[in-house]
Amino acid sequence: MVALREAQEETALNPFDVQLLGELPMQQARSGLRVKPIVGVIPPEVNLVAEPAEIDRIFYVPLQEFIQSPPHAYLVRFAEHDLYMPSFRFDNEIIWGMTARIMVTLLRRGLKCTVEWLGS
């Protein structure tokens, strides 16, 4: 599965450590790239290591914090247009773009949470 291979390349995640739960609807990036989000559970004792050629860093946010924190609108200027995307702010990190859109979909569809933000 592509998602598990990518996770292994980016974080050294052993695919056999993941309990797969399902998938979310396809997402499309501004570049046109289409991504099929896969949802799984990784045990807390699994050590992930950021591959510098792939990602900058790894940080953790408990799922309960996503559930309790409504997304904020994040302004992105793209091709002379203002676009508002969902974003989540935790400590000194901002999760936005496709990752935030995937999290909104997970909260809405996977966890049946009511999620509202300026652009929805």
PDB file of N, CA and C in Angstrom:
ATOM      1  N   MET A   1       0.844  -1.171   0.000  1.00  0.00           N
ATOM      2  CA  MET A   1       0.000   0.000   0.000  1.00  0.00           C
ATOM      3  C   MET A   1       0.893   1.238   0.000  1.00  0.00           C
ATOM      4  N   VAL A   2       0.573   2.184  -0.840  1.00  0.00           N
ATOM      5  CA  VAL A   2       1.388   3.384  -1.026  1.00  0.00           C
ATOM      6  C   VAL A   2       1.511   4.194   0.261  1.00  0.00           C
ATOM      7  N   ALA A   3       0.422   4.344   1.004  1.00  0.00           N
ATOM      8  CA  ALA A   3       0.450   5.153   2.231  1.00  0.00           C
ATOM      9  C   ALA A   3       1.456   4.599   3.238  1.00  0.00           C
ATOM     10  N   LEU A   4       1.480   3.305   3.399  1.00  0.00           N
ATOM     11  CA  LEU A   4       2.419   2.705   4.347  1.00  0.00           C
ATOM     12  C   LEU A   4       3.857   2.817   3.866  1.00  0.00           C
ATOM     13  N   ARG A   5       4.075   2.672   2.562  1.00  0.00           N
ATOM     14  CA  ARG A   5       5.425   2.836   2.013  1.00  0.00           C
ATOM     15  C   ARG A   5       5.911   4.267   2.221  1.00  0.00           C
ATOM     16  N   GLU A   6       5.039   5.245   1.953  1.00  0.00           N
ATOM     17  CA  GLU A   6       5.406   6.656   2.145  1.00  0.00           C
ATOM     18  C   GLU A   6       5.718   6.935   3.613  1.00  0.00           C
ATOM     19  N   ALA A   7       4.879   6.424   4.506  1.00  0.00           N
ATOM     20  CA  ALA A   7       5.122   6.628   5.940  1.00  0.00           C
ATOM     21  C   ALA A   7       6.453   6.022   6.363  1.00  0.00           C
ATOM     22  N   GLN A   8       6.794   4.863   5.801  1.00  0.00           N
ATOM     23  CA  GLN A   8       8.070   4.232   6.119  1.00  0.00           C
ATOM     24  C   GLN A   8       9.238   5.079   5.608  1.00  0.00           C
ATOM     25  N   GLU A   9       9.118   5.595   4.381  1.00  0.00           N
ATOM     26  CA  GLU A   9      10.183   6.442   3.822  1.00  0.00           C
ATOM     27  C   GLU A   9      10.356   7.730   4.614  1.00  0.00           C
ATOM     28  N   GLU A  10       9.268   8.309   5.079  1.00  0.00           N
ATOM     29  CA  GLU A  10       9.328   9.611   5.751  1.00  0.00           C
ATOM     30  C   GLU A  10       9.650   9.520   7.230  1.00  0.00           C
ATOM     31  N   THR A  11       9.248   8.418   7.894  1.00  0.00           N
ATOM     32  CA  THR A  11       9.359   8.356   9.353  1.00  0.00           C
ATOM     33  C   THR A  11       9.965   7.060   9.891  1.00  0.00           C
ATOM     34  N   ALA A  12      10.372   6.162   9.024  1.00  0.00           N
ATOM     35  CA  ALA A  12      10.894   4.843   9.428  1.00  0.00           C
ATOM     36  C   ALA A  12       9.822   3.999  10.118  1.00  0.00           C
ATOM     37  N   LEU A  13       8.556   4.260   9.844  1.00  0.00           N
ATOM     38  CA  LEU A  13       7.457   3.484  10.419  1.00  0.00           C
ATOM     39  C   LEU A  13       7.411   2.100   9.784  1.00  0.00           C
ATOM     40  N   ASN A  14       7.461   1.080  10.612  1.00  0.00           N
ATOM     41  CA  ASN A  14       7.323  -0.289  10.134  1.00  0.00           C
ATOM     42  C   ASN A  14       5.844  -0.514   9.791  1.00  0.00           C
ATOM     43  N   PRO A  15       5.518  -0.849   8.553  1.00  0.00           N
ATOM     44  CA  PRO A  15       4.116  -1.042   8.170  1.00  0.00           C
ATOM     45  C   PRO A  15       3.385  -2.076   9.027  1.00  0.00           C
ATOM     46  N   PHE A  16       4.118  -3.044   9.592  1.00  0.00           N
ATOM     47  CA  PHE A  16       3.487  -4.066  10.429  1.00  0.00           C
ATOM     48  C   PHE A  16       3.107  -3.536  11.814  1.00  0.00           C
ATOM     49  N   ASP A  17       3.554  -2.301  12.145  1.00  0.00           N
ATOM     50  CA  ASP A  17       3.183  -1.674  13.422  1.00  0.00           C
ATOM     51  C   ASP A  17       1.853  -0.919  13.332  1.00  0.00           C
ATOM     52  N   VAL A  18       1.270  -0.837  12.154  1.00  0.00           N
ATOM     53  CA  VAL A  18       0.059  -0.038  11.945  1.00  0.00           C
ATOM     54  C   VAL A  18      -1.177  -0.938  11.919  1.00  0.00           C
ATOM     55  N   GLN A  19      -2.171  -0.552  12.713  1.00  0.00           N
ATOM     56  CA  GLN A  19      -3.479  -1.210  12.646  1.00  0.00           C
ATOM     57  C   GLN A  19      -4.349  -0.358  11.727  1.00  0.00           C
ATOM     58  N   LEU A  20      -4.597  -0.823  10.523  1.00  0.00           N
ATOM     59  CA  LEU A  20      -5.382  -0.060   9.556  1.00  0.00           C
ATOM     60  C   LEU A  20      -6.849  -0.037   9.962  1.00  0.00           C
ATOM     61  N   LEU A  21      -7.458   1.175   9.884  1.00  0.00           N
ATOM     62  CA  LEU A  21      -8.862   1.338  10.243  1.00  0.00           C
ATOM     63  C   LEU A  21      -9.749   1.605   9.036  1.00  0.00           C
ATOM     64  N   GLY A  22      -9.202   2.246   8.016  1.00  0.00           N
ATOM     65  CA  GLY A  22     -10.017   2.554   6.846  1.00  0.00           C
ATOM     66  C   GLY A  22      -9.390   3.647   6.016  1.00  0.00           C
ATOM     67  N   GLU A  23     -10.208   4.246   5.165  1.00  0.00           N
ATOM     68  CA  GLU A  23      -9.721   5.303   4.286  1.00  0.00           C
ATOM     69  C   GLU A  23     -10.727   6.447   4.260  1.00  0.00           C
ATOM     70  N   LEU A  24     -10.253   7.591   3.842  1.00  0.00           N
ATOM     71  CA  LEU A  24     -11.083   8.788   3.694  1.00  0.00           C
ATOM     72  C   LEU A  24     -11.196   9.120   2.212  1.00  0.00           C
ATOM     73  N   PRO A  25     -12.121  10.008   1.860  1.00  0.00           N
ATOM     74  CA  PRO A  25     -12.261  10.379   0.445  1.00  0.00           C
ATOM     75  C   PRO A  25     -10.980  11.005  -0.116  1.00  0.00           C
ATOM     76  N   MET A  26     -10.799  10.841  -1.396  1.00  0.00           N
ATOM     77  CA  MET A  26      -9.652  11.390  -2.115  1.00  0.00           C
ATOM     78  C   MET A  26      -9.577  12.905  -1.896  1.00  0.00           C
ATOM     79  N   GLN A  27      -8.369  13.415  -1.756  1.00  0.00           N
ATOM     80  CA  GLN A  27      -8.114  14.853  -1.638  1.00  0.00           C
ATOM     81  C   GLN A  27      -7.235  15.257  -2.814  1.00  0.00           C
ATOM     82  N   GLN A  28      -7.419  16.486  -3.284  1.00  0.00           N
ATOM     83  CA  GLN A  28      -6.589  16.980  -4.380  1.00  0.00           C
ATOM     84  C   GLN A  28      -5.826  18.214  -3.931  1.00  0.00           C
ATOM     85  N   ALA A  29      -4.513  18.183  -4.150  1.00  0.00           N
ATOM     86  CA  ALA A  29      -3.657  19.317  -3.815  1.00  0.00           C
ATOM     87  C   ALA A  29      -3.779  20.388  -4.897  1.00  0.00           C
ATOM     88  N   ARG A  30      -3.335  21.585  -4.574  1.00  0.00           N
ATOM     89  CA  ARG A  30      -3.347  22.671  -5.563  1.00  0.00           C
ATOM     90  C   ARG A  30      -2.539  22.304  -6.798  1.00  0.00           C
ATOM     91  N   SER A  31      -1.541  21.453  -6.618  1.00  0.00           N
ATOM     92  CA  SER A  31      -0.691  21.035  -7.732  1.00  0.00           C
ATOM     93  C   SER A  31      -1.402  20.059  -8.666  1.00  0.00           C
ATOM     94  N   GLY A  32      -2.566  19.560  -8.233  1.00  0.00           N
ATOM     95  CA  GLY A  32      -3.292  18.571  -9.012  1.00  0.00           C
ATOM     96  C   GLY A  32      -3.072  17.147  -8.516  1.00  0.00           C
ATOM     97  N   LEU A  33      -2.071  16.957  -7.669  1.00  0.00           N
ATOM     98  CA  LEU A  33      -1.799  15.640  -7.109  1.00  0.00           C
ATOM     99  C   LEU A  33      -2.999  15.169  -6.293  1.00  0.00           C
ATOM    100  N   ARG A  34      -3.406  13.929  -6.516  1.00  0.00           N
ATOM    101  CA  ARG A  34      -4.521  13.348  -5.778  1.00  0.00           C
ATOM    102  C   ARG A  34      -3.980  12.393  -4.717  1.00  0.00           C
ATOM    103  N   VAL A  35      -4.538  12.490  -3.515  1.00  0.00           N
ATOM    104  CA  VAL A  35      -4.066  11.707  -2.378  1.00  0.00           C
ATOM    105  C   VAL A  35      -5.248  10.965  -1.763  1.00  0.00           C
ATOM    106  N   LYS A  36      -5.052   9.693  -1.457  1.00  0.00           N
ATOM    107  CA  LYS A  36      -6.061   8.882  -0.792  1.00  0.00           C
ATOM    108  C   LYS A  36      -5.616   8.698   0.657  1.00  0.00           C
ATOM    109  N   PRO A  37      -6.230   9.433   1.612  1.00  0.00           N
ATOM    110  CA  PRO A  37      -5.823   9.303   3.022  1.00  0.00           C
ATOM    111  C   PRO A  37      -6.215   7.941   3.599  1.00  0.00           C
ATOM    112  N   ILE A  38      -5.296   7.326   4.292  1.00  0.00           N
ATOM    113  CA  ILE A  38      -5.501   6.055   4.970  1.00  0.00           C
ATOM    114  C   ILE A  38      -5.400   6.319   6.471  1.00  0.00           C
ATOM    115  N   VAL A  39      -6.325   5.759   7.232  1.00  0.00           N
ATOM    116  CA  VAL A  39      -6.375   5.981   8.677  1.00  0.00           C
ATOM    117  C   VAL A  39      -5.924   4.711   9.377  1.00  0.00           C
ATOM    118  N   GLY A  40      -5.041   4.877  10.345  1.00  0.00           N
ATOM    119  CA  GLY A  40      -4.559   3.742  11.111  1.00  0.00           C
ATOM    120  C   GLY A  40      -4.136   4.171  12.500  1.00  0.00           C
ATOM    121  N   VAL A  41      -3.902   3.206  13.342  1.00  0.00           N
ATOM    122  CA  VAL A  41      -3.448   3.441  14.711  1.00  0.00           C
ATOM    123  C   VAL A  41      -2.033   2.899  14.842  1.00  0.00           C
ATOM    124  N   ILE A  42      -1.176   3.715  15.436  1.00  0.00           N
ATOM    125  CA  ILE A  42       0.216   3.333  15.687  1.00  0.00           C
ATOM    126  C   ILE A  42       0.389   3.280  17.205  1.00  0.00           C
ATOM    127  N   PRO A  43       0.881   2.190  17.764  1.00  0.00           N
ATOM    128  CA  PRO A  43       1.085   2.121  19.214  1.00  0.00           C
ATOM    129  C   PRO A  43       2.021   3.240  19.695  1.00  0.00           C
ATOM    130  N   PRO A  44       1.772   3.768  20.888  1.00  0.00           N
ATOM    131  CA  PRO A  44       2.576   4.903  21.379  1.00  0.00           C
ATOM    132  C   PRO A  44       4.052   4.597  21.563  1.00  0.00           C
ATOM    133  N   GLU A  45       4.402   3.327  21.732  1.00  0.00           N
ATOM    134  CA  GLU A  45       5.822   2.998  21.949  1.00  0.00           C
ATOM    135  C   GLU A  45       6.631   2.942  20.661  1.00  0.00           C
ATOM    136  N   VAL A  46       5.979   3.056  19.504  1.00  0.00           N
ATOM    137  CA  VAL A  46       6.696   3.033  18.226  1.00  0.00           C
ATOM    138  C   VAL A  46       7.500   4.322  18.078  1.00  0.00           C
ATOM    139  N   ASN A  47       8.778   4.189  17.785  1.00  0.00           N
ATOM    140  CA  ASN A  47       9.661   5.340  17.625  1.00  0.00           C
ATOM    141  C   ASN A  47       9.701   5.758  16.153  1.00  0.00           C
ATOM    142  N   LEU A  48       9.274   6.976  15.885  1.00  0.00           N
ATOM    143  CA  LEU A  48       9.322   7.515  14.523  1.00  0.00           C
ATOM    144  C   LEU A  48      10.516   8.448  14.400  1.00  0.00           C
ATOM    145  N   VAL A  49      11.146   8.433  13.238  1.00  0.00           N
ATOM    146  CA  VAL A  49      12.335   9.251  12.995  1.00  0.00           C
ATOM    147  C   VAL A  49      12.122  10.006  11.684  1.00  0.00           C
ATOM    148  N   ALA A  50      12.217  11.328  11.742  1.00  0.00           N
ATOM    149  CA  ALA A  50      12.039  12.145  10.540  1.00  0.00           C
ATOM    150  C   ALA A  50      13.183  11.931   9.563  1.00  0.00           C
ATOM    151  N   GLU A  51      12.854  11.615   8.325  1.00  0.00           N
ATOM    152  CA  GLU A  51      13.850  11.497   7.257  1.00  0.00           C
ATOM    153  C   GLU A  51      14.056  12.905   6.690  1.00  0.00           C
ATOM    154  N   PRO A  52      15.216  13.523   6.919  1.00  0.00           N
ATOM    155  CA  PRO A  52      15.423  14.928   6.537  1.00  0.00           C
ATOM    156  C   PRO A  52      15.164  15.244   5.061  1.00  0.00           C
ATOM    157  N   ALA A  53      15.371  14.302   4.175  1.00  0.00           N
ATOM    158  CA  ALA A  53      15.115  14.549   2.753  1.00  0.00           C
ATOM    159  C   ALA A  53      13.622  14.567   2.446  1.00  0.00           C
ATOM    160  N   GLU A  54      12.796  14.091   3.384  1.00  0.00           N
ATOM    161  CA  GLU A  54      11.353  13.985   3.164  1.00  0.00           C
ATOM    162  C   GLU A  54      10.546  14.992   3.979  1.00  0.00           C
ATOM    163  N   ILE A  55      10.853  15.087   5.288  1.00  0.00           N
ATOM    164  CA  ILE A  55      10.095  15.967   6.186  1.00  0.00           C
ATOM    165  C   ILE A  55      11.043  16.667   7.153  1.00  0.00           C
ATOM    166  N   ASP A  56      10.585  17.806   7.690  1.00  0.00           N
ATOM    167  CA  ASP A  56      11.412  18.577   8.621  1.00  0.00           C
ATOM    168  C   ASP A  56      11.423  18.000  10.023  1.00  0.00           C
ATOM    169  N   ARG A  57      10.238  17.637  10.504  1.00  0.00           N
ATOM    170  CA  ARG A  57      10.144  17.196  11.892  1.00  0.00           C
ATOM    171  C   ARG A  57       8.850  16.410  12.097  1.00  0.00           C
ATOM    172  N   ILE A  58       8.802  15.744  13.230  1.00  0.00           N
ATOM    173  CA  ILE A  58       7.606  15.021  13.659  1.00  0.00           C
ATOM    174  C   ILE A  58       7.169  15.642  14.972  1.00  0.00           C
ATOM    175  N   PHE A  59       5.870  15.913  15.101  1.00  0.00           N
ATOM    176  CA  PHE A  59       5.343  16.342  16.393  1.00  0.00           C
ATOM    177  C   PHE A  59       4.007  15.641  16.602  1.00  0.00           C
ATOM    178  N   TYR A  60       3.589  15.572  17.835  1.00  0.00           N
ATOM    179  CA  TYR A  60       2.409  14.794  18.186  1.00  0.00           C
ATOM    180  C   TYR A  60       1.313  15.714  18.736  1.00  0.00           C
ATOM    181  N   VAL A  61       0.084  15.429  18.354  1.00  0.00           N
ATOM    182  CA  VAL A  61      -1.085  16.123  18.876  1.00  0.00           C
ATOM    183  C   VAL A  61      -2.107  15.054  19.231  1.00  0.00           C
ATOM    184  N   PRO A  62      -2.511  14.970  20.488  1.00  0.00           N
ATOM    185  CA  PRO A  62      -3.526  13.982  20.862  1.00  0.00           C
ATOM    186  C   PRO A  62      -4.829  14.223  20.079  1.00  0.00           C
ATOM    187  N   LEU A  63      -5.464  13.142  19.656  1.00  0.00           N
ATOM    188  CA  LEU A  63      -6.698  13.241  18.888  1.00  0.00           C
ATOM    189  C   LEU A  63      -7.754  14.061  19.632  1.00  0.00           C
ATOM    190  N   GLN A  64      -7.807  13.924  20.943  1.00  0.00           N
ATOM    191  CA  GLN A  64      -8.783  14.679  21.742  1.00  0.00           C
ATOM    192  C   GLN A  64      -8.599  16.186  21.559  1.00  0.00           C
ATOM    193  N   GLU A  65      -7.369  16.643  21.369  1.00  0.00           N
ATOM    194  CA  GLU A  65      -7.135  18.079  21.141  1.00  0.00           C
ATOM    195  C   GLU A  65      -7.692  18.520  19.796  1.00  0.00           C
ATOM    196  N   PHE A  66      -7.591  17.683  18.770  1.00  0.00           N
ATOM    197  CA  PHE A  66      -8.222  18.006  17.486  1.00  0.00           C
ATOM    198  C   PHE A  66      -9.735  18.101  17.650  1.00  0.00           C
ATOM    199  N   ILE A  67     -10.298  17.168  18.388  1.00  0.00           N
ATOM    200  CA  ILE A  67     -11.750  17.153  18.587  1.00  0.00           C
ATOM    201  C   ILE A  67     -12.213  18.410  19.305  1.00  0.00           C
ATOM    202  N   GLN A  68     -11.448  18.876  20.272  1.00  0.00           N
ATOM    203  CA  GLN A  68     -11.847  20.016  21.104  1.00  0.00           C
ATOM    204  C   GLN A  68     -11.432  21.371  20.538  1.00  0.00           C
ATOM    205  N   SER A  69     -10.605  21.396  19.514  1.00  0.00           N
ATOM    206  CA  SER A  69     -10.089  22.664  18.977  1.00  0.00           C
ATOM    207  C   SER A  69     -10.630  22.908  17.584  1.00  0.00           C
ATOM    208  N   PRO A  70     -11.572  23.833  17.429  1.00  0.00           N
ATOM    209  CA  PRO A  70     -12.082  24.097  16.077  1.00  0.00           C
ATOM    210  C   PRO A  70     -10.983  24.703  15.202  1.00  0.00           C
ATOM    211  N   PRO A  71     -11.016  24.410  13.914  1.00  0.00           N
ATOM    212  CA  PRO A  71      -9.997  24.980  13.028  1.00  0.00           C
ATOM    213  C   PRO A  71     -10.191  26.479  12.838  1.00  0.00           C
ATOM    214  N   HIS A  72      -9.095  27.145  12.528  1.00  0.00           N
ATOM    215  CA  HIS A  72      -9.091  28.572  12.212  1.00  0.00           C
ATOM    216  C   HIS A  72      -8.923  28.719  10.707  1.00  0.00           C
ATOM    217  N   ALA A  73      -9.368  29.844  10.190  1.00  0.00           N
ATOM    218  CA  ALA A  73      -9.132  30.129   8.770  1.00  0.00           C
ATOM    219  C   ALA A  73      -7.681  30.563   8.599  1.00  0.00           C
ATOM    220  N   TYR A  74      -7.004  30.003   7.608  1.00  0.00           N
ATOM    221  CA  TYR A  74      -5.604  30.324   7.314  1.00  0.00           C
ATOM    222  C   TYR A  74      -5.570  30.888   5.908  1.00  0.00           C
ATOM    223  N   LEU A  75      -5.141  32.133   5.783  1.00  0.00           N
ATOM    224  CA  LEU A  75      -5.122  32.812   4.495  1.00  0.00           C
ATOM    225  C   LEU A  75      -3.879  32.431   3.699  1.00  0.00           C
ATOM    226  N   VAL A  76      -4.110  31.980   2.470  1.00  0.00           N
ATOM    227  CA  VAL A  76      -3.016  31.646   1.552  1.00  0.00           C
ATOM    228  C   VAL A  76      -3.259  32.411   0.267  1.00  0.00           C
ATOM    229  N   ARG A  77      -2.249  33.122  -0.212  1.00  0.00           N
ATOM    230  CA  ARG A  77      -2.355  33.839  -1.482  1.00  0.00           C
ATOM    231  C   ARG A  77      -1.850  32.904  -2.572  1.00  0.00           C
ATOM    232  N   PHE A  78      -2.723  32.596  -3.550  1.00  0.00           N
ATOM    233  CA  PHE A  78      -2.367  31.647  -4.593  1.00  0.00           C
ATOM    234  C   PHE A  78      -2.866  32.176  -5.926  1.00  0.00           C
ATOM    235  N   ALA A  79      -1.944  32.372  -6.854  1.00  0.00           N
ATOM    236  CA  ALA A  79      -2.285  32.846  -8.207  1.00  0.00           C
ATOM    237  C   ALA A  79      -3.161  34.092  -8.154  1.00  0.00           C
ATOM    238  N   GLU A  80      -2.717  35.066  -7.366  1.00  0.00           N
ATOM    239  CA  GLU A  80      -3.413  36.360  -7.249  1.00  0.00           C
ATOM    240  C   GLU A  80      -4.771  36.271  -6.554  1.00  0.00           C
ATOM    241  N   HIS A  81      -5.056  35.165  -5.912  1.00  0.00           N
ATOM    242  CA  HIS A  81      -6.327  35.004  -5.213  1.00  0.00           C
ATOM    243  C   HIS A  81      -6.068  34.691  -3.743  1.00  0.00           C
ATOM    244  N   ASP A  82      -6.972  35.165  -2.893  1.00  0.00           N
ATOM    245  CA  ASP A  82      -6.915  34.814  -1.485  1.00  0.00           C
ATOM    246  C   ASP A  82      -7.738  33.552  -1.270  1.00  0.00           C
ATOM    247  N   LEU A  83      -7.116  32.538  -0.691  1.00  0.00           N
ATOM    248  CA  LEU A  83      -7.801  31.297  -0.361  1.00  0.00           C
ATOM    249  C   LEU A  83      -7.766  31.114   1.150  1.00  0.00           C
ATOM    250  N   TYR A  84      -8.869  30.714   1.705  1.00  0.00           N
ATOM    251  CA  TYR A  84      -8.919  30.415   3.133  1.00  0.00           C
ATOM    252  C   TYR A  84      -8.995  28.909   3.305  1.00  0.00           C
ATOM    253  N   MET A  85      -8.068  28.406   4.090  1.00  0.00           N
ATOM    254  CA  MET A  85      -7.999  26.968   4.345  1.00  0.00           C
ATOM    255  C   MET A  85      -8.128  26.756   5.844  1.00  0.00           C
ATOM    256  N   PRO A  86      -8.601  25.567   6.233  1.00  0.00           N
ATOM    257  CA  PRO A  86      -8.625  25.302   7.669  1.00  0.00           C
ATOM    258  C   PRO A  86      -7.203  25.163   8.190  1.00  0.00           C
ATOM    259  N   SER A  87      -7.024  25.538   9.432  1.00  0.00           N
ATOM    260  CA  SER A  87      -5.735  25.324  10.087  1.00  0.00           C
ATOM    261  C   SER A  87      -5.992  25.019  11.558  1.00  0.00           C
ATOM    262  N   PHE A  88      -5.076  24.281  12.129  1.00  0.00           N
ATOM    263  CA  PHE A  88      -5.128  23.960  13.550  1.00  0.00           C
ATOM    264  C   PHE A  88      -3.849  24.478  14.170  1.00  0.00           C
ATOM    265  N   ARG A  89      -3.956  25.058  15.346  1.00  0.00           N
ATOM    266  CA  ARG A  89      -2.781  25.592  16.040  1.00  0.00           C
ATOM    267  C   ARG A  89      -2.618  24.860  17.367  1.00  0.00           C
ATOM    268  N   PHE A  90      -1.459  24.247  17.535  1.00  0.00           N
ATOM    269  CA  PHE A  90      -1.130  23.536  18.758  1.00  0.00           C
ATOM    270  C   PHE A  90       0.286  23.923  19.144  1.00  0.00           C
ATOM    271  N   ASP A  91       0.429  24.430  20.357  1.00  0.00           N
ATOM    272  CA  ASP A  91       1.715  24.919  20.830  1.00  0.00           C
ATOM    273  C   ASP A  91       2.262  25.899  19.785  1.00  0.00           C
ATOM    274  N   ASN A  92       3.432  25.656  19.249  1.00  0.00           N
ATOM    275  CA  ASN A  92       4.021  26.565  18.262  1.00  0.00           C
ATOM    276  C   ASN A  92       3.911  26.017  16.842  1.00  0.00           C
ATOM    277  N   GLU A  93       3.020  25.086  16.619  1.00  0.00           N
ATOM    278  CA  GLU A  93       2.866  24.465  15.306  1.00  0.00           C
ATOM    279  C   GLU A  93       1.544  24.882  14.663  1.00  0.00           C
ATOM    280  N   ILE A  94       1.557  25.007  13.348  1.00  0.00           N
ATOM    281  CA  ILE A  94       0.340  25.257  12.580  1.00  0.00           C
ATOM    282  C   ILE A  94       0.196  24.125  11.571  1.00  0.00           C
ATOM    283  N   ILE A  95      -0.936  23.465  11.618  1.00  0.00           N
ATOM    284  CA  ILE A  95      -1.252  22.407  10.657  1.00  0.00           C
ATOM    285  C   ILE A  95      -2.245  23.015   9.680  1.00  0.00           C
ATOM    286  N   TRP A  96      -1.889  23.054   8.394  1.00  0.00           N
ATOM    287  CA  TRP A  96      -2.757  23.702   7.404  1.00  0.00           C
ATOM    288  C   TRP A  96      -2.671  22.940   6.087  1.00  0.00           C
ATOM    289  N   GLY A  97      -3.289  23.464   5.079  1.00  0.00           N
ATOM    290  CA  GLY A  97      -3.227  22.863   3.749  1.00  0.00           C
ATOM    291  C   GLY A  97      -3.938  21.526   3.704  1.00  0.00           C
ATOM    292  N   MET A  98      -3.406  20.630   2.897  1.00  0.00           N
ATOM    293  CA  MET A  98      -4.046  19.334   2.709  1.00  0.00           C
ATOM    294  C   MET A  98      -4.135  18.551   4.019  1.00  0.00           C
ATOM    295  N   THR A  99      -3.113  18.647   4.853  1.00  0.00           N
ATOM    296  CA  THR A  99      -3.138  17.926   6.122  1.00  0.00           C
ATOM    297  C   THR A  99      -4.316  18.372   6.972  1.00  0.00           C
ATOM    298  N   ALA A 100      -4.547  19.678   7.052  1.00  0.00           N
ATOM    299  CA  ALA A 100      -5.683  20.186   7.832  1.00  0.00           C
ATOM    300  C   ALA A 100      -7.011  19.769   7.196  1.00  0.00           C
ATOM    301  N   ARG A 101      -7.092  19.802   5.870  1.00  0.00           N
ATOM    302  CA  ARG A 101      -8.325  19.360   5.198  1.00  0.00           C
ATOM    303  C   ARG A 101      -8.605  17.890   5.494  1.00  0.00           C
ATOM    304  N   ILE A 102      -7.565  17.075   5.505  1.00  0.00           N
ATOM    305  CA  ILE A 102      -7.728  15.658   5.823  1.00  0.00           C
ATOM    306  C   ILE A 102      -8.206  15.505   7.269  1.00  0.00           C
ATOM    307  N   MET A 103      -7.658  16.288   8.183  1.00  0.00           N
ATOM    308  CA  MET A 103      -8.085  16.206   9.586  1.00  0.00           C
ATOM    309  C   MET A 103      -9.543  16.625   9.743  1.00  0.00           C
ATOM    310  N   VAL A 104      -9.977  17.669   9.029  1.00  0.00           N
ATOM    311  CA  VAL A 104     -11.382  18.081   9.078  1.00  0.00           C
ATOM    312  C   VAL A 104     -12.269  16.935   8.584  1.00  0.00           C
ATOM    313  N   THR A 105     -11.868  16.288   7.496  1.00  0.00           N
ATOM    314  CA  THR A 105     -12.635  15.159   6.966  1.00  0.00           C
ATOM    315  C   THR A 105     -12.672  14.006   7.965  1.00  0.00           C
ATOM    316  N   LEU A 106     -11.548  13.710   8.600  1.00  0.00           N
ATOM    317  CA  LEU A 106     -11.506  12.656   9.610  1.00  0.00           C
ATOM    318  C   LEU A 106     -12.461  12.979  10.756  1.00  0.00           C
ATOM    319  N   LEU A 107     -12.422  14.224  11.223  1.00  0.00           N
ATOM    320  CA  LEU A 107     -13.297  14.612  12.329  1.00  0.00           C
ATOM    321  C   LEU A 107     -14.765  14.520  11.930  1.00  0.00           C
ATOM    322  N   ARG A 108     -15.084  15.020  10.740  1.00  0.00           N
ATOM    323  CA  ARG A 108     -16.483  15.033  10.292  1.00  0.00           C
ATOM    324  C   ARG A 108     -17.002  13.639   9.966  1.00  0.00           C
ATOM    325  N   ARG A 109     -16.292  12.931   9.109  1.00  0.00           N
ATOM    326  CA  ARG A 109     -16.788  11.647   8.604  1.00  0.00           C
ATOM    327  C   ARG A 109     -16.424  10.467   9.483  1.00  0.00           C
ATOM    328  N   GLY A 110     -15.189  10.462   9.940  1.00  0.00           N
ATOM    329  CA  GLY A 110     -14.733   9.317  10.721  1.00  0.00           C
ATOM    330  C   GLY A 110     -15.188   9.338  12.161  1.00  0.00           C
ATOM    331  N   LEU A 111     -15.272  10.543  12.738  1.00  0.00           N
ATOM    332  CA  LEU A 111     -15.609  10.657  14.155  1.00  0.00           C
ATOM    333  C   LEU A 111     -16.957  11.341  14.391  1.00  0.00           C
ATOM    334  N   LYS A 112     -17.625  11.733  13.306  1.00  0.00           N
ATOM    335  CA  LYS A 112     -18.966  12.340  13.373  1.00  0.00           C
ATOM    336  C   LYS A 112     -19.004  13.603  14.247  1.00  0.00           C
ATOM    337  N   CYS A 113     -17.911  14.379  14.209  1.00  0.00           N
ATOM    338  CA  CYS A 113     -17.847  15.648  14.944  1.00  0.00           C
ATOM    339  C   CYS A 113     -18.396  16.769  14.084  1.00  0.00           C
ATOM    340  N   THR A 114     -18.974  17.767  14.716  1.00  0.00           N
ATOM    341  CA  THR A 114     -19.376  18.971  14.007  1.00  0.00           C
ATOM    342  C   THR A 114     -18.166  19.881  13.941  1.00  0.00           C
ATOM    343  N   VAL A 115     -17.725  20.178  12.724  1.00  0.00           N
ATOM    344  CA  VAL A 115     -16.537  21.008  12.533  1.00  0.00           C
ATOM    345  C   VAL A 115     -16.923  22.159  11.610  1.00  0.00           C
ATOM    346  N   GLU A 116     -16.780  23.360  12.116  1.00  0.00           N
ATOM    347  CA  GLU A 116     -17.077  24.549  11.317  1.00  0.00           C
ATOM    348  C   GLU A 116     -15.832  25.424  11.254  1.00  0.00           C
ATOM    349  N   TRP A 117     -15.644  26.043  10.127  1.00  0.00           N
ATOM    350  CA  TRP A 117     -14.592  27.046   9.968  1.00  0.00           C
ATOM    351  C   TRP A 117     -15.025  27.989   8.871  1.00  0.00           C
ATOM    352  N   LEU A 118     -14.383  29.132   8.770  1.00  0.00           N
ATOM    353  CA  LEU A 118     -14.784  30.192   7.845  1.00  0.00           C
ATOM    354  C   LEU A 118     -15.009  29.706   6.433  1.00  0.00           C
ATOM    355  N   GLY A 119     -14.159  28.824   5.929  1.00  0.00           N
ATOM    356  CA  GLY A 119     -14.233  28.403   4.533  1.00  0.00           C
ATOM    357  C   GLY A 119     -15.113  27.203   4.275  1.00  0.00           C
ATOM    358  N   SER A 120     -15.766  26.659   5.296  1.00  0.00           N
ATOM    359  CA  SER A 120     -16.548  25.431   5.062  1.00  0.00           C
ATOM    360  C   SER A 120     -17.965  25.708   4.611  1.00  0.00           C
TER     361      SER A 120
END
